[in-house]
N, C-alpha and C. Protein backbone atom coordinates (compact mmCIF):
# COMPACT_ATOMS: atom_id res chain seq x y z
N UNK A 1 117.00 6.68 -23.80
CA UNK A 1 117.58 7.79 -24.51
C UNK A 1 117.30 9.07 -23.72
N UNK A 2 118.18 10.04 -23.96
CA UNK A 2 117.93 11.34 -23.34
C UNK A 2 118.52 12.44 -24.21
N UNK A 3 117.92 13.62 -24.09
CA UNK A 3 118.41 14.82 -24.75
C UNK A 3 119.25 15.60 -23.75
N UNK A 4 120.41 16.04 -24.17
CA UNK A 4 121.28 16.88 -23.36
C UNK A 4 121.26 18.27 -23.97
N UNK A 5 120.80 19.26 -23.21
CA UNK A 5 120.75 20.65 -23.67
C UNK A 5 122.01 21.32 -23.13
N UNK A 6 122.73 22.03 -24.00
CA UNK A 6 123.97 22.68 -23.58
C UNK A 6 124.06 24.08 -24.15
N UNK A 7 124.68 24.97 -23.38
CA UNK A 7 124.93 26.34 -23.83
C UNK A 7 126.34 26.40 -24.40
N UNK A 8 126.47 27.12 -25.51
CA UNK A 8 127.79 27.32 -26.13
C UNK A 8 128.38 28.63 -25.65
N UNK A 9 129.67 28.80 -25.85
CA UNK A 9 130.35 30.04 -25.47
C UNK A 9 129.81 31.25 -26.24
N UNK A 10 129.19 30.98 -27.37
CA UNK A 10 128.67 32.06 -28.22
C UNK A 10 127.31 32.57 -27.74
N UNK A 11 126.76 31.95 -26.68
CA UNK A 11 125.45 32.35 -26.17
C UNK A 11 124.30 31.61 -26.82
N UNK A 12 124.60 30.65 -27.67
CA UNK A 12 123.56 29.85 -28.31
C UNK A 12 123.38 28.55 -27.53
N UNK A 13 122.33 27.83 -27.87
CA UNK A 13 122.01 26.56 -27.20
C UNK A 13 121.85 25.46 -28.24
N UNK A 14 122.26 24.29 -27.88
CA UNK A 14 122.11 23.14 -28.76
C UNK A 14 121.72 21.92 -27.97
N UNK A 15 121.51 20.82 -28.67
CA UNK A 15 121.17 19.59 -27.97
C UNK A 15 121.90 18.42 -28.59
N UNK A 16 122.04 17.39 -27.80
CA UNK A 16 122.61 16.12 -28.24
C UNK A 16 121.69 15.02 -27.76
N UNK A 17 121.37 14.08 -28.62
CA UNK A 17 120.56 12.93 -28.26
C UNK A 17 121.51 11.79 -27.92
N UNK A 18 121.41 11.30 -26.69
CA UNK A 18 122.27 10.22 -26.22
C UNK A 18 121.48 8.92 -26.08
N UNK A 19 122.11 7.81 -26.44
CA UNK A 19 121.50 6.51 -26.24
C UNK A 19 121.60 6.08 -24.78
N UNK A 20 120.96 4.99 -24.44
CA UNK A 20 121.00 4.49 -23.07
C UNK A 20 122.41 4.18 -22.60
N UNK A 21 123.30 3.89 -23.55
CA UNK A 21 124.68 3.58 -23.20
C UNK A 21 125.58 4.82 -23.18
N UNK A 22 124.99 6.00 -23.39
CA UNK A 22 125.75 7.24 -23.36
C UNK A 22 126.36 7.63 -24.70
N UNK A 23 126.17 6.81 -25.70
CA UNK A 23 126.71 7.11 -27.03
C UNK A 23 125.86 8.18 -27.72
N UNK A 24 126.52 9.06 -28.48
CA UNK A 24 125.82 10.12 -29.21
C UNK A 24 125.08 9.51 -30.39
N UNK A 25 123.80 9.79 -30.45
CA UNK A 25 122.97 9.32 -31.56
C UNK A 25 122.81 10.44 -32.59
N UNK A 26 122.57 11.66 -32.09
CA UNK A 26 122.39 12.80 -32.99
C UNK A 26 122.77 14.08 -32.26
N UNK A 27 123.18 15.07 -33.04
CA UNK A 27 123.50 16.38 -32.50
C UNK A 27 122.73 17.42 -33.30
N UNK A 28 122.04 18.29 -32.59
CA UNK A 28 121.28 19.35 -33.25
C UNK A 28 122.15 20.56 -33.50
N UNK A 29 121.69 21.45 -34.35
CA UNK A 29 122.42 22.69 -34.62
C UNK A 29 122.23 23.63 -33.44
N UNK A 30 122.90 24.75 -33.47
CA UNK A 30 122.80 25.74 -32.41
C UNK A 30 121.58 26.64 -32.64
N UNK A 31 120.89 26.98 -31.55
CA UNK A 31 119.70 27.84 -31.60
C UNK A 31 119.97 29.11 -30.81
N UNK A 32 119.28 30.20 -31.15
CA UNK A 32 119.59 31.49 -30.53
C UNK A 32 119.28 31.56 -29.03
N UNK A 33 118.34 30.74 -28.58
CA UNK A 33 118.03 30.75 -27.15
C UNK A 33 117.60 29.36 -26.69
N UNK A 34 117.53 29.20 -25.39
CA UNK A 34 117.20 27.90 -24.80
C UNK A 34 115.79 27.45 -25.18
N UNK A 35 114.85 28.39 -25.23
CA UNK A 35 113.47 28.05 -25.57
C UNK A 35 113.37 27.45 -26.97
N UNK A 36 114.15 27.98 -27.91
CA UNK A 36 114.13 27.45 -29.28
C UNK A 36 114.68 26.03 -29.30
N UNK A 37 115.77 25.79 -28.58
CA UNK A 37 116.34 24.44 -28.53
C UNK A 37 115.36 23.46 -27.89
N UNK A 38 114.73 23.88 -26.78
CA UNK A 38 113.75 23.01 -26.12
C UNK A 38 112.53 22.76 -27.00
N UNK A 39 112.14 23.76 -27.80
CA UNK A 39 111.01 23.59 -28.72
C UNK A 39 111.30 22.52 -29.77
N UNK A 40 112.51 22.52 -30.30
CA UNK A 40 112.89 21.51 -31.29
C UNK A 40 112.93 20.13 -30.64
N UNK A 41 113.46 20.05 -29.43
CA UNK A 41 113.50 18.77 -28.71
C UNK A 41 112.07 18.26 -28.48
N UNK A 42 111.17 19.14 -28.07
CA UNK A 42 109.78 18.75 -27.85
C UNK A 42 109.15 18.24 -29.14
N UNK A 43 109.40 18.94 -30.26
CA UNK A 43 108.88 18.49 -31.56
C UNK A 43 109.41 17.11 -31.91
N UNK A 44 110.71 16.91 -31.68
CA UNK A 44 111.31 15.61 -32.00
C UNK A 44 110.69 14.51 -31.14
N UNK A 45 110.49 14.79 -29.86
CA UNK A 45 109.92 13.78 -28.97
C UNK A 45 108.50 13.43 -29.39
N UNK A 46 107.76 14.41 -29.86
CA UNK A 46 106.38 14.19 -30.27
C UNK A 46 106.31 13.46 -31.62
N UNK A 47 107.20 13.79 -32.55
CA UNK A 47 107.11 13.30 -33.92
C UNK A 47 107.93 12.04 -34.19
N UNK A 48 108.86 11.71 -33.34
CA UNK A 48 109.78 10.62 -33.66
C UNK A 48 109.06 9.28 -33.85
N UNK A 49 107.94 9.09 -33.20
CA UNK A 49 107.17 7.86 -33.38
C UNK A 49 106.59 7.72 -34.77
N UNK A 50 106.43 8.85 -35.46
CA UNK A 50 105.88 8.83 -36.82
C UNK A 50 106.98 8.80 -37.88
N UNK A 51 108.22 8.66 -37.45
CA UNK A 51 109.33 8.68 -38.41
C UNK A 51 109.22 7.51 -39.37
N UNK A 52 109.56 7.77 -40.62
CA UNK A 52 109.58 6.73 -41.64
C UNK A 52 110.97 6.14 -41.74
N UNK A 53 111.05 4.96 -42.28
CA UNK A 53 112.33 4.31 -42.52
C UNK A 53 112.53 4.26 -44.03
N UNK A 54 113.64 4.81 -44.48
CA UNK A 54 114.00 4.73 -45.89
C UNK A 54 115.17 3.77 -46.00
N UNK A 55 114.94 2.66 -46.67
CA UNK A 55 115.97 1.63 -46.77
C UNK A 55 116.84 1.87 -47.99
N UNK A 56 118.13 1.92 -47.76
CA UNK A 56 119.10 2.09 -48.85
C UNK A 56 120.16 1.00 -48.75
N UNK A 57 119.71 -0.21 -48.51
CA UNK A 57 120.66 -1.30 -48.32
C UNK A 57 120.87 -2.13 -49.57
N UNK A 58 120.02 -1.96 -50.58
CA UNK A 58 120.18 -2.71 -51.82
C UNK A 58 121.28 -2.08 -52.65
N UNK A 59 122.12 -2.89 -53.30
CA UNK A 59 123.17 -2.31 -54.14
C UNK A 59 122.55 -1.55 -55.31
N UNK A 60 123.22 -0.50 -55.72
CA UNK A 60 122.74 0.29 -56.85
C UNK A 60 122.78 -0.57 -58.11
N UNK A 61 121.83 -0.29 -59.00
CA UNK A 61 121.81 -1.03 -60.26
C UNK A 61 123.04 -0.68 -61.07
N UNK A 62 123.57 -1.67 -61.73
CA UNK A 62 124.75 -1.43 -62.56
C UNK A 62 124.34 -0.69 -63.82
N UNK A 63 125.25 0.12 -64.30
CA UNK A 63 125.00 0.85 -65.54
C UNK A 63 124.83 -0.15 -66.68
N UNK A 64 124.01 0.22 -67.64
CA UNK A 64 123.79 -0.66 -68.78
C UNK A 64 125.10 -0.87 -69.53
N UNK A 65 125.31 -2.08 -70.01
CA UNK A 65 126.51 -2.39 -70.77
C UNK A 65 126.44 -1.71 -72.13
N UNK A 66 127.50 -1.00 -72.51
CA UNK A 66 127.46 -0.33 -73.82
C UNK A 66 127.38 -1.36 -74.93
N UNK A 67 126.80 -0.99 -76.06
CA UNK A 67 126.67 -1.95 -77.16
C UNK A 67 128.05 -2.41 -77.63
N UNK A 68 128.08 -3.64 -78.08
CA UNK A 68 129.34 -4.21 -78.56
C UNK A 68 129.82 -3.48 -79.80
N UNK A 69 131.11 -3.29 -79.87
CA UNK A 69 131.70 -2.64 -81.05
C UNK A 69 132.48 -3.67 -81.86
N UNK A 70 132.11 -4.93 -81.70
CA UNK A 70 132.78 -5.98 -82.47
C UNK A 70 131.75 -6.85 -83.16
N UNK A 71 132.18 -7.44 -84.27
CA UNK A 71 131.39 -8.43 -85.00
C UNK A 71 132.29 -9.63 -85.17
N UNK A 72 131.87 -10.75 -84.68
CA UNK A 72 132.67 -11.98 -84.74
C UNK A 72 134.08 -11.76 -84.18
N UNK A 73 134.19 -10.98 -83.10
CA UNK A 73 135.47 -10.75 -82.46
C UNK A 73 136.33 -9.68 -83.11
N UNK A 74 135.92 -9.16 -84.25
CA UNK A 74 136.68 -8.11 -84.94
C UNK A 74 135.97 -6.77 -84.75
N UNK A 75 136.71 -5.66 -84.73
CA UNK A 75 136.07 -4.35 -84.57
C UNK A 75 135.08 -4.07 -85.69
N UNK A 76 133.90 -3.60 -85.34
CA UNK A 76 132.89 -3.19 -86.31
C UNK A 76 133.08 -1.69 -86.52
N UNK A 77 133.91 -1.34 -87.47
CA UNK A 77 134.26 0.06 -87.68
C UNK A 77 133.06 0.89 -88.13
N UNK A 78 132.08 0.28 -88.78
CA UNK A 78 130.90 1.02 -89.23
C UNK A 78 130.13 1.55 -88.02
N UNK A 79 130.13 0.80 -86.93
CA UNK A 79 129.40 1.23 -85.74
C UNK A 79 130.08 2.40 -85.05
N UNK A 80 131.35 2.59 -85.29
CA UNK A 80 132.03 3.70 -84.63
C UNK A 80 132.33 4.84 -85.62
N UNK A 81 131.62 4.86 -86.76
CA UNK A 81 131.72 5.98 -87.67
C UNK A 81 132.76 5.81 -88.76
N UNK A 82 133.27 4.66 -88.99
CA UNK A 82 134.25 4.42 -90.06
C UNK A 82 133.59 3.55 -91.11
N UNK A 83 134.11 3.59 -92.29
CA UNK A 83 133.50 2.86 -93.40
C UNK A 83 133.70 1.35 -93.30
N UNK A 84 134.75 0.93 -92.63
CA UNK A 84 135.03 -0.50 -92.58
C UNK A 84 135.82 -1.00 -93.76
N UNK A 85 136.07 -0.12 -94.74
CA UNK A 85 136.84 -0.50 -95.92
C UNK A 85 138.32 -0.37 -95.55
N UNK A 86 139.10 -1.44 -95.71
CA UNK A 86 140.51 -1.36 -95.35
C UNK A 86 141.24 -0.38 -96.23
N UNK A 87 142.27 0.29 -95.67
CA UNK A 87 143.03 1.24 -96.49
C UNK A 87 143.80 0.49 -97.58
N UNK A 88 144.07 1.15 -98.70
CA UNK A 88 144.78 0.55 -99.83
C UNK A 88 146.26 0.78 -99.69
């Protein structure tokens, strides 16, 4: 891997982390000067070995199934705020 430091037309500096195959792994934001960009790169190089892994590969839990609004296959009108008494 390597860090590529580049100057922008705006006078700021940024970096890109490239993999061994030349693919972009990460791009940093723009910094006001080259020293600031190099400082962030140095911090990343020093700290990256202590990076944690947060796994988010498990599917999210499904929402709880709402309570049934039927009794013996028929609507339970009392559960939805109705008396259940058929109209006359």
